[in-house]
Protein backbone atom coordinates (compact mmCIF):
# COMPACT_ATOMS: atom_id res chain seq x y z
CA MET A 1 -24.42 69.54 -172.20
CA HIS A 2 -26.21 67.02 -174.39
CA PRO A 3 -24.69 63.77 -173.43
CA THR A 4 -25.37 60.94 -176.09
CA GLN A 5 -24.76 57.36 -175.13
CA THR A 6 -24.93 54.30 -177.79
CA GLY A 7 -25.42 50.70 -176.80
CA SER A 8 -28.04 47.60 -176.63
CA ILE A 9 -29.96 46.38 -174.17
CA PRO A 10 -30.34 42.43 -174.52
CA HIS A 11 -33.40 40.60 -173.45
CA LEU A 12 -35.05 37.18 -174.22
CA VAL A 13 -38.08 36.65 -176.48
CA ALA A 14 -40.04 33.64 -177.52
CA ASN A 15 -38.80 31.86 -180.63
CA GLU A 16 -41.27 31.08 -183.31
CA ILE A 17 -41.15 29.29 -186.50
CA SER A 18 -42.90 30.41 -189.39
CA VAL A 19 -45.40 27.40 -191.18
CA ALA A 20 -47.13 29.29 -194.20
CA LYS A 21 -48.26 32.29 -192.71
CA TYR A 22 -48.50 31.47 -189.39
CA ASP A 23 -46.00 31.79 -186.55
CA ILE A 24 -46.13 28.78 -184.15
CA PRO A 25 -44.09 29.10 -180.90
CA VAL A 26 -41.49 26.50 -180.23
CA PRO A 27 -42.61 24.98 -177.39
CA LEU A 28 -45.96 24.62 -179.05
CA LEU A 29 -44.47 22.89 -181.38
CA ARG A 30 -42.90 20.68 -179.46
CA VAL A 31 -45.80 19.66 -177.98
CA LEU A 32 -47.56 18.77 -181.22
CA GLY A 33 -44.59 16.88 -182.00
CA PHE A 34 -44.90 14.45 -178.95
CA VAL A 35 -48.77 14.31 -179.57
CA PHE A 36 -48.00 13.44 -183.53
CA GLY A 37 -45.47 10.91 -182.23
CA ALA A 38 -48.23 9.34 -179.96
CA LEU A 39 -50.83 9.07 -182.92
CA ALA A 40 -48.10 7.69 -185.11
CA LEU A 41 -47.42 4.90 -182.32
CA ILE A 42 -51.16 4.16 -182.19
CA LEU A 43 -51.88 3.98 -185.78
CA ALA A 44 -48.67 1.53 -186.30
CA GLY A 45 -50.15 -0.38 -183.44
CA LEU A 46 -53.54 -0.56 -184.86
CA HIS A 47 -52.04 -1.45 -188.26
CA GLU A 48 -49.77 -4.05 -187.42
CA LEU A 49 -53.20 -5.67 -185.37
CA THR A 50 -55.13 -5.56 -188.35
CA ARG A 51 -52.51 -6.79 -190.92
CA ARG A 52 -52.16 -9.68 -188.66
CA ARG A 53 -55.87 -10.40 -188.15
CA LYS A 54 -56.66 -10.09 -192.29
CA SER A 55 -53.55 -9.64 -194.54
CA VAL A 56 -51.91 -12.81 -193.93
CA ARG A 57 -54.49 -15.70 -193.91
CA SER A 58 -56.75 -16.80 -196.08
CA ASP A 59 -60.53 -16.60 -195.70
CA GLU A 60 -60.54 -20.35 -194.97
CA GLU A 61 -58.18 -19.98 -192.04
CA LEU A 62 -60.21 -17.29 -190.53
CA ILE A 63 -63.39 -19.11 -190.82
CA ALA A 64 -61.21 -21.91 -189.33
CA SER A 65 -59.81 -19.90 -186.37
CA ARG A 66 -63.61 -18.49 -185.50
CA LEU A 67 -64.51 -21.98 -185.09
CA HIS A 68 -61.81 -23.13 -183.38
CA SER A 69 -61.04 -25.72 -185.76
CA LEU A 70 -57.28 -27.06 -186.74
CA ILE A 71 -56.30 -27.00 -190.59
CA VAL A 72 -53.66 -29.40 -190.93
CA PRO A 73 -51.80 -29.64 -194.39
CA VAL A 74 -50.94 -32.84 -196.06
CA VAL A 75 -48.76 -34.09 -198.83
CA SER A 76 -51.90 -36.01 -200.17
CA LEU A 77 -55.43 -37.30 -198.95
CA SER A 78 -55.79 -41.46 -199.28
CA ALA A 79 -58.66 -42.67 -201.12
CA PRO A 80 -61.72 -42.08 -199.17
CA GLY A 81 -64.28 -44.79 -198.59
CA VAL A 82 -67.25 -42.62 -198.85
CA ALA A 83 -66.80 -39.15 -200.20
CA ILE A 84 -69.59 -36.36 -198.98
CA ASP A 85 -69.12 -33.22 -200.72
CA VAL A 86 -70.05 -30.11 -198.35
CA PRO A 87 -71.28 -26.89 -200.04
CA SER A 88 -69.43 -24.64 -198.06
CA PHE A 89 -65.95 -24.33 -195.99
CA ALA A 90 -67.84 -22.79 -193.07
CA HIS A 91 -70.19 -26.29 -193.24
CA LEU A 92 -67.03 -28.22 -192.88
CA ALA A 93 -65.33 -26.03 -190.33
CA GLY A 94 -68.55 -26.35 -188.19
CA LEU A 95 -68.71 -30.39 -188.77
CA ALA A 96 -65.11 -30.45 -187.58
CA GLN A 97 -65.57 -28.56 -184.31
CA PHE A 98 -68.68 -30.96 -183.75
CA LEU A 99 -66.75 -34.13 -184.51
CA GLU A 100 -63.76 -32.69 -182.84
CA GLN A 101 -61.66 -33.66 -185.97
CA PRO A 102 -59.13 -31.67 -187.70
CA ILE A 103 -59.44 -30.44 -191.26
CA LEU A 104 -56.90 -31.85 -193.69
CA TYR A 105 -55.96 -29.61 -196.28
CA GLU A 106 -54.10 -30.99 -199.89
CA ILE A 107 -53.51 -28.56 -202.74
CA THR A 108 -52.62 -30.56 -206.09
CA GLU A 109 -52.01 -28.82 -209.39
CA GLY A 110 -53.51 -25.88 -207.72
CA ASN A 111 -56.65 -27.20 -206.77
CA ARG A 112 -57.39 -27.25 -203.33
CA THR A 113 -59.17 -29.87 -201.00
CA TYR A 114 -60.39 -29.99 -197.39
CA ALA A 115 -61.35 -32.97 -195.95
CA ILE A 116 -62.61 -34.55 -192.66
CA ASP A 117 -62.52 -38.19 -191.82
CA ASP A 118 -65.23 -39.96 -189.67
CA ASP A 119 -64.58 -43.81 -189.86
CA ALA A 120 -65.85 -44.78 -193.07
CA HIS A 121 -66.97 -41.58 -194.29
CA ARG A 122 -65.05 -38.41 -195.84
CA TYR A 123 -66.55 -34.96 -195.98
CA VAL A 124 -64.82 -33.09 -198.38
CA TYR A 125 -65.07 -29.32 -199.84
CA ARG A 126 -63.54 -28.43 -202.98
CA PRO A 127 -63.33 -24.64 -203.89
CA SER A 128 -64.75 -24.28 -207.29
CA LEU A 129 -62.32 -23.02 -209.69
CA ASP A 130 -64.84 -20.75 -211.29
CA LEU A 131 -64.92 -17.94 -208.59
CA ASP A 132 -68.22 -16.73 -209.46
CA ALA A 133 -69.55 -20.24 -208.71
CA ALA A 134 -68.65 -19.91 -205.17
CA PRO A 135 -71.52 -20.74 -202.69
CA SER A 136 -73.61 -17.36 -201.71
CA PRO A 137 -73.66 -15.91 -198.38
CA ALA A 138 -77.28 -16.82 -197.85
CA ALA A 139 -76.48 -20.52 -198.06
CA VAL A 140 -74.53 -20.69 -194.60
CA PRO A 141 -76.26 -21.28 -191.84
CA THR A 142 -76.48 -19.10 -189.02
CA ASP A 143 -74.56 -21.16 -186.71
CA ALA A 144 -71.43 -20.67 -188.30
CA LYS A 145 -71.20 -17.06 -186.74
CA ASP A 146 -71.53 -15.53 -190.15
CA PRO A 147 -68.02 -16.32 -191.51
CA SER A 148 -69.27 -16.77 -195.19
CA ARG A 149 -69.91 -12.73 -195.00
CA ARG A 150 -66.29 -12.83 -196.14
CA PRO A 151 -66.72 -13.41 -199.84
CA SER A 152 -63.97 -15.88 -201.01
CA ASN A 153 -63.45 -14.36 -204.33
CA GLY A 154 -60.83 -12.23 -205.52
CA SER A 155 -62.58 -8.79 -205.06
CA SER A 156 -62.15 -9.40 -201.30
CA TRP A 157 -58.32 -9.51 -201.52
CA ARG A 158 -58.33 -6.64 -203.51
CA ARG A 159 -60.26 -4.41 -201.44
CA ARG A 160 -58.07 -5.86 -198.60
CA SER A 161 -55.00 -4.74 -200.45
CA LYS A 162 -56.27 -1.19 -201.10
CA ARG A 163 -57.06 -0.78 -197.16
CA VAL A 164 -53.60 -2.18 -196.23
CA THR A 165 -52.06 0.49 -198.79
CA ALA A 166 -54.09 3.33 -197.65
CA ALA A 167 -53.07 2.58 -194.01
CA ARG A 168 -49.47 2.13 -194.58
CA ALA A 169 -49.71 5.41 -196.94
CA GLY A 170 -51.10 7.35 -193.96
CA ALA A 171 -48.76 5.85 -191.53
CA GLY A 172 -46.02 6.71 -193.74
CA LEU A 173 -47.26 10.30 -193.89
CA LEU A 174 -47.95 10.87 -190.35
CA THR A 175 -44.40 9.54 -189.70
CA LEU A 176 -42.96 12.14 -191.84
CA ILE A 177 -44.79 14.95 -190.15
CA VAL A 178 -43.58 13.56 -186.70
CA ALA A 179 -40.10 13.49 -188.02
CA ALA A 180 -40.03 16.93 -189.30
CA THR A 181 -42.23 18.52 -186.46
CA LEU A 182 -39.42 16.98 -183.83
CA VAL A 183 -36.52 17.92 -185.96
CA THR A 184 -37.59 21.49 -186.29
CA SER A 185 -38.56 21.87 -182.75
CA PHE A 186 -35.82 20.75 -181.20
CA THR A 187 -33.26 22.32 -183.38
CA ALA A 188 -34.72 25.50 -182.43
CA SER A 189 -33.95 27.15 -179.41
CA THR A 190 -36.82 27.94 -177.07
CA SER A 191 -35.52 31.48 -176.34
CA VAL A 192 -33.62 33.85 -178.89
CA PRO A 193 -31.58 36.73 -177.45
CA ALA A 194 -32.80 40.54 -178.88
CA SER A 195 -30.62 43.27 -178.81
CA HIS A 196 -32.16 46.58 -179.59
CA VAL A 197 -29.30 49.22 -180.59
CA GLY A 198 -30.26 52.56 -180.45
CA THR A 199 -29.39 56.36 -179.01
CA SER A 200 -30.45 57.22 -175.67
CA LEU A 201 -30.79 61.27 -175.22
CA ASN A 202 -30.73 62.34 -171.32
CA ALA A 203 -31.43 65.79 -170.72
CA ARG A 204 -28.92 67.31 -167.96
CA GLN A 205 -30.10 68.63 -164.81
CA PHE A 206 -28.62 71.71 -163.29
CA SER A 207 -27.67 69.69 -160.33
CA GLN A 208 -25.45 67.87 -162.71
CA LEU A 209 -23.79 70.27 -163.91
CA THR A 210 -23.28 72.74 -161.34
CA PRO A 211 -19.93 72.56 -159.64
CA ALA A 212 -19.67 71.40 -156.18
CA GLY A 213 -18.71 75.11 -154.96
CA CYS A 214 -21.82 76.26 -156.17
CA SER A 215 -24.34 73.79 -154.84
CA SER A 216 -25.98 76.38 -152.39
CA LEU A 217 -26.73 78.93 -154.84
CA GLY A 218 -29.77 77.27 -155.98
CA VAL A 219 -28.97 77.81 -160.02
CA THR A 220 -31.77 77.64 -162.17
CA ALA A 221 -30.66 79.34 -165.46
CA LEU A 222 -27.84 78.46 -167.79
CA LEU A 223 -25.68 81.24 -169.85
CA LYS A 224 -22.75 80.15 -172.38
CA GLY A 225 -20.51 82.59 -173.92
CA SER A 226 -17.28 83.21 -175.44
CA GLY A 227 -15.14 86.44 -176.08
CA THR A 228 -16.90 89.30 -174.57
CA PHE A 229 -20.21 89.00 -173.14
CA SER A 230 -22.45 89.65 -169.80
CA ASN A 231 -25.56 88.54 -167.72
CA THR A 232 -27.98 90.38 -165.66
CA THR A 233 -30.05 87.51 -164.43
CA SER A 234 -29.60 85.91 -160.73
CA HIS A 235 -28.98 82.45 -159.93
CA THR A 236 -27.33 81.64 -163.20
CA LEU A 237 -24.50 79.17 -164.23
CA ILE A 238 -22.14 81.18 -166.56
CA LEU A 239 -20.01 79.11 -168.63
CA GLY A 240 -16.78 80.63 -170.48
CA SER A 241 -15.11 79.22 -173.43
CA ALA A 242 -11.55 77.85 -174.04
CA GLY A 243 -10.39 80.97 -175.56
CA VAL A 244 -10.10 84.30 -173.52
CA ASP A 245 -13.26 85.43 -172.18
CA ASP A 246 -14.41 88.88 -170.65
CA ILE A 247 -17.23 88.06 -168.43
CA THR A 248 -19.47 90.82 -166.79
CA ASP A 249 -22.11 89.61 -164.27
CA SER A 250 -24.58 92.12 -162.40
CA GLY A 251 -26.96 89.24 -160.98
CA GLN A 252 -27.05 87.69 -157.56
CA ASP A 253 -25.92 84.47 -156.27
CA ASN A 254 -24.69 83.22 -159.73
CA CYS A 255 -22.30 80.83 -160.38
CA ILE A 256 -19.23 81.89 -163.09
CA VAL A 257 -16.85 79.14 -164.41
CA GLY A 258 -14.37 80.61 -166.88
CA GLY A 259 -12.24 78.72 -169.44
CA ALA A 260 -8.85 77.47 -169.53
CA ALA A 261 -7.42 81.20 -171.20
CA LYS A 262 -6.53 84.54 -169.52
CA ASP A 263 -10.48 85.43 -168.26
CA ASN A 264 -11.49 88.82 -166.97
CA VAL A 265 -14.12 88.45 -164.83
CA HIS A 266 -16.38 91.30 -163.27
CA ALA A 267 -18.82 89.76 -160.77
CA THR A 268 -20.65 90.69 -157.39
CA SER A 269 -20.30 90.06 -153.91
CA THR A 270 -22.75 87.20 -154.26
CA ASP A 271 -21.29 85.33 -156.95
CA VAL A 272 -18.88 82.27 -156.70
CA CYS A 273 -16.33 82.19 -159.23
CA ILE A 274 -14.45 78.81 -160.24
CA ILE A 275 -10.97 79.82 -161.29
CA GLY A 276 -9.33 78.10 -164.34
CA PRO A 277 -6.04 76.42 -164.46
CA THR A 278 -4.42 79.25 -166.55
CA SER A 279 -2.25 81.79 -164.86
CA GLY A 280 -3.00 85.45 -165.59
CA ALA A 281 -6.55 85.32 -165.24
CA VAL A 282 -8.44 88.09 -163.23
CA TYR A 283 -11.38 87.57 -161.15
CA HIS A 284 -13.35 90.76 -159.22
CA GLN A 285 -15.75 91.18 -156.49
CA CYS A 286 -16.03 87.09 -156.42
CA VAL A 287 -17.29 86.32 -152.67
CA THR A 288 -15.64 82.76 -153.28
CA ARG A 289 -12.76 81.69 -155.85
CA THR A 290 -12.27 77.89 -155.88
CA SER A 291 -10.15 76.16 -158.45
């Protein structure tokens, strides 16, 4: 009379990954992984370009590169005819460009010398051993494309080293974020099957309970009993028990279903009686008896 069925109804829901107090869907996390990956590649390319431009060459090499002058390292410089000192490397590089001569570079006992030979003259630039005594940027002409704005002392290298270190640290951190994002997003499934186990209670309709032989009676009520009991209503489904029942009905168009024992049923001429399997049961006045 009150059927119960337990089970589960599977369905798919979007998977989420909790980051701090936020729930991020896996598809969005995968998109972020690709975005972070692209940013990491861009940052790596910029870092490599900056490193090649600034990290591996000295200030003199950068100035010579800007002025398209060639620096040629030599083992030793020959004795000059007439040596003329030049106040800055930028002037020397500009002169080399004008004379279309290479810049000769010699280092002896830690002392650097840059020179240009022009017939009987030699133009020489010697970086000062005292870094604070290096020529000021104001002493360099504007036609040298402002190369002297790069200070030739050790502070420039220290600042450059700090920038390179910061860039490498940022690239490493971004790489870790990209790796963590991609690993997390691609090891997590997009959809997670969810099961909701529970109990479903469905009330029975009279049409479901009424036997096929009583379908024409239009049953609208239900009466259950055991032992000796009676009914006075009409269009009622009367159900006996598994024991011996004595049922008396005075209503009209009722469906009487006895139990499995030797029942004694007193019905009216409009009732339909469903006879049980036990022999010896007695049904009185039933218009139809089916088993």
